[in-house]
Amino acid sequence: MFERKPPHPGREALDELDRVLKAQPTKDDHALSEATRCLAQFREEMLARRDGGEQIDAERLSHLNAITAVVMAMHFPIGQPPWAELEKARGWLRELVKAEGA
């Protein structure tokens, strides 16, 4: 039998951000919460690999932190949600996931 690997949290976050960007809800959305959860899991996995002795690119971790900050800011926007900023963060995440080989 084929063993399925669990989905990569970065890819899951991309899927959730796609849902949010497509729907552009007027209030906080479950997909946004899921994206935040997945980004936190992605970060925890990177840190665990680093703690296990793997060389982790500090710039990648910094980019993941910036992406997470943008997504977190979407939960409580001042005024209109910054959809263009979320779209940029999604692009950064896509590149990070690709760089991580996920």
C-alpha atoms as a PDB file:
ATOM      1  CA  MET A   1       0.000   0.000   0.000  1.00  0.00           C
ATOM      2  CA  PHE A   2       1.028   3.581  -0.536  1.00  0.00           C
ATOM      3  CA  GLU A   3       1.703   5.608   2.547  1.00  0.00           C
ATOM      4  CA  ARG A   4       0.393   9.153   2.259  1.00  0.00           C
ATOM      5  CA  LYS A   5       2.439  11.877   3.819  1.00  0.00           C
ATOM      6  CA  PRO A   6       0.454  14.444   5.778  1.00  0.00           C
ATOM      7  CA  PRO A   7       0.038  17.704   3.894  1.00  0.00           C
ATOM      8  CA  HIS A   8       2.764  20.262   4.444  1.00  0.00           C
ATOM      9  CA  PRO A   9       1.514  23.093   6.696  1.00  0.00           C
ATOM     10  CA  GLY A  10       2.856  25.692   4.261  1.00  0.00           C
ATOM     11  CA  ARG A  11       0.791  24.202   1.429  1.00  0.00           C
ATOM     12  CA  GLU A  12      -2.235  24.014   3.720  1.00  0.00           C
ATOM     13  CA  ALA A  13      -1.767  27.690   4.593  1.00  0.00           C
ATOM     14  CA  LEU A  14      -1.615  28.530   0.874  1.00  0.00           C
ATOM     15  CA  ASP A  15      -4.911  26.728   0.316  1.00  0.00           C
ATOM     16  CA  GLU A  16      -6.544  28.603   3.185  1.00  0.00           C
ATOM     17  CA  LEU A  17      -5.225  31.953   1.976  1.00  0.00           C
ATOM     18  CA  ASP A  18      -6.615  31.180  -1.471  1.00  0.00           C
ATOM     19  CA  ARG A  19     -10.035  30.631   0.129  1.00  0.00           C
ATOM     20  CA  VAL A  20      -9.832  33.918   2.028  1.00  0.00           C
ATOM     21  CA  LEU A  21      -8.652  35.884  -1.002  1.00  0.00           C
ATOM     22  CA  LYS A  22     -11.408  34.420  -3.160  1.00  0.00           C
ATOM     23  CA  ALA A  23     -14.193  35.100  -0.636  1.00  0.00           C
ATOM     24  CA  GLN A  24     -12.824  38.364   0.777  1.00  0.00           C
ATOM     25  CA  PRO A  25     -15.110  38.146   3.814  1.00  0.00           C
ATOM     26  CA  THR A  26     -16.234  41.303   5.576  1.00  0.00           C
ATOM     27  CA  LYS A  27     -15.374  39.834   8.999  1.00  0.00           C
ATOM     28  CA  ASP A  28     -12.874  37.353  10.418  1.00  0.00           C
ATOM     29  CA  ASP A  29     -13.107  33.998   8.669  1.00  0.00           C
ATOM     30  CA  HIS A  30     -12.413  30.370   9.623  1.00  0.00           C
ATOM     31  CA  ALA A  31     -10.016  29.991   6.683  1.00  0.00           C
ATOM     32  CA  LEU A  32      -7.980  32.889   8.037  1.00  0.00           C
ATOM     33  CA  SER A  33      -7.760  31.181  11.424  1.00  0.00           C
ATOM     34  CA  GLU A  34      -6.726  27.930   9.744  1.00  0.00           C
ATOM     35  CA  ALA A  35      -4.050  29.735   7.730  1.00  0.00           C
ATOM     36  CA  THR A  36      -2.689  31.202  10.967  1.00  0.00           C
ATOM     37  CA  ARG A  37      -2.654  27.758  12.598  1.00  0.00           C
ATOM     38  CA  CYS A  38      -0.838  26.244   9.605  1.00  0.00           C
ATOM     39  CA  LEU A  39       1.750  29.029   9.553  1.00  0.00           C
ATOM     40  CA  ALA A  40       2.443  28.488  13.260  1.00  0.00           C
ATOM     41  CA  GLN A  41       2.858  24.761  12.608  1.00  0.00           C
ATOM     42  CA  PHE A  42       5.199  25.476   9.664  1.00  0.00           C
ATOM     43  CA  ARG A  43       7.304  27.699  11.934  1.00  0.00           C
ATOM     44  CA  GLU A  44       7.375  25.091  14.707  1.00  0.00           C
ATOM     45  CA  GLU A  45       8.542  22.455  12.223  1.00  0.00           C
ATOM     46  CA  MET A  46      11.330  24.711  10.950  1.00  0.00           C
ATOM     47  CA  LEU A  47      12.449  25.428  14.519  1.00  0.00           C
ATOM     48  CA  ALA A  48      12.349  21.729  15.443  1.00  0.00           C
ATOM     49  CA  ARG A  49      14.535  20.906  12.450  1.00  0.00           C
ATOM     50  CA  ARG A  50      16.962  23.647  13.485  1.00  0.00           C
ATOM     51  CA  ASP A  51      16.995  22.377  17.069  1.00  0.00           C
ATOM     52  CA  GLY A  52      17.693  18.900  15.694  1.00  0.00           C
ATOM     53  CA  GLY A  53      20.864  20.177  14.089  1.00  0.00           C
ATOM     54  CA  GLU A  54      19.641  20.925  10.574  1.00  0.00           C
ATOM     55  CA  GLN A  55      20.948  24.121   9.026  1.00  0.00           C
ATOM     56  CA  ILE A  56      17.924  26.423   8.600  1.00  0.00           C
ATOM     57  CA  ASP A  57      18.209  29.580   6.522  1.00  0.00           C
ATOM     58  CA  ALA A  58      17.565  32.453   8.953  1.00  0.00           C
ATOM     59  CA  GLU A  59      16.170  34.546   6.105  1.00  0.00           C
ATOM     60  CA  ARG A  60      13.492  31.922   5.403  1.00  0.00           C
ATOM     61  CA  LEU A  61      12.464  31.928   9.048  1.00  0.00           C
ATOM     62  CA  SER A  62      12.366  35.726   8.993  1.00  0.00           C
ATOM     63  CA  HIS A  63      10.155  35.655   5.882  1.00  0.00           C
ATOM     64  CA  LEU A  64       7.809  33.168   7.538  1.00  0.00           C
ATOM     65  CA  ASN A  65       7.551  35.466  10.563  1.00  0.00           C
ATOM     66  CA  ALA A  66       6.682  38.412   8.286  1.00  0.00           C
ATOM     67  CA  ILE A  67       4.039  36.371   6.441  1.00  0.00           C
ATOM     68  CA  THR A  68       2.525  35.332   9.758  1.00  0.00           C
ATOM     69  CA  ALA A  69       2.423  38.951  10.921  1.00  0.00           C
ATOM     70  CA  VAL A  70       0.492  40.001   7.795  1.00  0.00           C
ATOM     71  CA  VAL A  71      -1.994  37.155   8.227  1.00  0.00           C
ATOM     72  CA  MET A  72      -2.428  37.940  11.926  1.00  0.00           C
ATOM     73  CA  ALA A  73      -3.085  41.595  11.095  1.00  0.00           C
ATOM     74  CA  MET A  74      -5.962  40.487   8.857  1.00  0.00           C
ATOM     75  CA  HIS A  75      -7.838  39.236  11.930  1.00  0.00           C
ATOM     76  CA  PHE A  76      -8.225  42.786  13.265  1.00  0.00           C
ATOM     77  CA  PRO A  77      -7.862  45.264  10.405  1.00  0.00           C
ATOM     78  CA  ILE A  78      -8.155  48.963  11.044  1.00  0.00           C
ATOM     79  CA  GLY A  79     -10.577  50.016   8.334  1.00  0.00           C
ATOM     80  CA  GLN A  80     -10.858  47.933   5.184  1.00  0.00           C
ATOM     81  CA  PRO A  81      -8.971  44.617   5.143  1.00  0.00           C
ATOM     82  CA  PRO A  82      -5.646  45.051   3.298  1.00  0.00           C
ATOM     83  CA  TRP A  83      -6.310  42.487   0.564  1.00  0.00           C
ATOM     84  CA  ALA A  84      -3.328  43.595  -1.539  1.00  0.00           C
ATOM     85  CA  GLU A  85      -0.983  43.006   1.407  1.00  0.00           C
ATOM     86  CA  LEU A  86      -2.457  39.549   1.979  1.00  0.00           C
ATOM     87  CA  GLU A  87      -1.997  38.766  -1.717  1.00  0.00           C
ATOM     88  CA  LYS A  88       1.681  39.764  -1.428  1.00  0.00           C
ATOM     89  CA  ALA A  89       2.125  37.620   1.690  1.00  0.00           C
ATOM     90  CA  ARG A  90       0.553  34.698  -0.161  1.00  0.00           C
ATOM     91  CA  GLY A  91       3.113  35.125  -2.942  1.00  0.00           C
ATOM     92  CA  TRP A  92       5.944  35.203  -0.410  1.00  0.00           C
ATOM     93  CA  LEU A  93       4.572  32.041   1.179  1.00  0.00           C
ATOM     94  CA  ARG A  94       4.365  30.317  -2.203  1.00  0.00           C
ATOM     95  CA  GLU A  95       8.047  31.090  -2.776  1.00  0.00           C
ATOM     96  CA  LEU A  96       9.000  29.941   0.728  1.00  0.00           C
ATOM     97  CA  VAL A  97       7.133  26.646   0.353  1.00  0.00           C
ATOM     98  CA  LYS A  98       8.877  26.108  -2.973  1.00  0.00           C
ATOM     99  CA  ALA A  99      12.287  26.913  -1.432  1.00  0.00           C
ATOM    100  CA  GLU A 100      11.595  24.451   1.390  1.00  0.00           C
ATOM    101  CA  GLY A 101      10.890  21.744  -1.203  1.00  0.00           C
ATOM    102  CA  ALA A 102       7.387  21.117   0.087  1.00  0.00           C
END
